[in-house]
Amino acid sequence: MRANGWTVQTLRDCLLTIPAVELKGTALLRECRPNGGFFPTGIPRETLIEAMTEIVAYTERSRRMGEALANLAPIHLLTQPVLEYGL
């Protein structure tokens, strides 16, 4: 793949440098899971609202990004083996 000087390897390397997203909602769930509970208790209402708002916004951004990726023009990968072709 050579589009604007990018190769498959440089694209992979670039994507691997993106840090993982840490959402407040997942952090809250992780904190209360060891205690055996599924729903957080004893957390201020404002914190829960902020965490849920963040999760909803992230989900919407992810959905829009998926739609944008689905609409990209295909790129010919002539140097990459297609192992499924033999099936």
Protein backbone atom coordinates (compact mmCIF):
# COMPACT_ATOMS: atom_id res chain seq x y z
CA MET A 1 0.00 0.00 0.00
CA ARG A 2 1.47 3.31 -1.00
CA ALA A 3 -0.89 6.20 -0.52
CA ASN A 4 0.81 9.50 0.22
CA GLY A 5 4.01 7.66 1.16
CA TRP A 6 2.38 5.39 3.75
CA THR A 7 2.98 1.68 3.79
CA VAL A 8 1.01 -0.95 5.66
CA GLN A 9 3.77 -1.09 8.27
CA THR A 10 3.88 2.69 8.82
CA LEU A 11 0.10 2.78 9.17
CA ARG A 12 0.23 -0.07 11.70
CA ASP A 13 3.02 1.65 13.64
CA CYS A 14 1.07 4.90 13.67
CA LEU A 15 -2.09 3.23 14.96
CA LEU A 16 -0.15 1.41 17.68
CA THR A 17 1.07 4.74 19.09
CA ILE A 18 -2.48 5.87 19.87
CA PRO A 19 -3.03 5.54 23.62
CA ALA A 20 -6.01 3.60 24.94
CA VAL A 21 -9.02 5.68 25.97
CA GLU A 22 -9.77 5.68 29.68
CA LEU A 23 -13.42 6.50 30.28
CA LYS A 24 -14.67 7.44 33.74
CA GLY A 25 -17.56 4.98 33.47
CA THR A 26 -15.29 2.00 32.83
CA ALA A 27 -13.00 3.11 35.64
CA LEU A 28 -15.99 3.27 38.01
CA LEU A 29 -17.14 -0.21 36.98
CA ARG A 30 -13.61 -1.57 37.42
CA GLU A 31 -13.49 -0.11 40.92
CA CYS A 32 -16.73 -1.74 42.05
CA ARG A 33 -16.26 -5.14 40.33
CA PRO A 34 -13.81 -6.48 42.95
CA ASN A 35 -16.47 -5.79 45.58
CA GLY A 36 -18.89 -8.11 43.80
CA GLY A 37 -21.28 -5.38 42.72
CA PHE A 38 -22.21 -4.51 39.18
CA PHE A 39 -23.64 -1.07 39.79
CA PRO A 40 -21.52 1.53 41.56
CA THR A 41 -22.80 2.63 44.96
CA GLY A 42 -21.76 5.57 47.09
CA ILE A 43 -20.66 7.64 44.08
CA PRO A 44 -21.88 11.23 43.79
CA ARG A 45 -24.70 11.71 41.29
CA GLU A 46 -22.73 14.36 39.37
CA THR A 47 -19.86 11.90 38.86
CA LEU A 48 -22.24 9.23 37.51
CA ILE A 49 -23.90 11.73 35.17
CA GLU A 50 -20.51 12.88 33.89
CA ALA A 51 -19.34 9.28 33.38
CA MET A 52 -22.49 8.24 31.52
CA THR A 53 -22.41 11.37 29.37
CA GLU A 54 -18.82 10.58 28.46
CA ILE A 55 -19.68 6.97 27.53
CA VAL A 56 -22.64 8.05 25.37
CA ALA A 57 -20.51 10.67 23.58
CA TYR A 58 -17.69 8.15 23.02
CA THR A 59 -20.16 5.60 21.65
CA GLU A 60 -21.56 8.17 19.21
CA ARG A 61 -18.07 9.21 18.05
CA SER A 62 -17.16 5.55 17.56
CA ARG A 63 -20.33 4.96 15.53
CA ARG A 64 -19.63 7.95 13.30
CA MET A 65 -16.01 6.85 12.84
CA GLY A 66 -17.17 3.37 11.84
CA GLU A 67 -19.50 4.87 9.25
CA ALA A 68 -16.69 7.05 7.91
CA LEU A 69 -14.35 4.05 7.66
CA ALA A 70 -17.03 2.04 5.88
CA ASN A 71 -17.27 4.75 3.22
CA LEU A 72 -13.55 4.90 2.45
CA ALA A 73 -12.46 3.94 -1.02
CA PRO A 74 -10.72 0.54 -1.16
CA ILE A 75 -6.94 0.43 -1.40
CA HIS A 76 -5.26 -2.31 -3.39
CA LEU A 77 -2.84 -4.29 -1.26
CA LEU A 78 -0.85 -5.94 -3.99
CA THR A 79 2.05 -6.86 -1.73
CA GLN A 80 -0.07 -8.46 1.00
CA PRO A 81 -0.98 -12.16 0.79
CA VAL A 82 -4.66 -13.01 0.87
CA LEU A 83 -4.73 -16.37 2.59
CA GLU A 84 -8.51 -16.71 2.37
CA TYR A 85 -8.33 -16.69 -1.44
CA GLY A 86 -7.50 -20.40 -1.51
CA LEU A 87 -10.70 -21.28 0.34
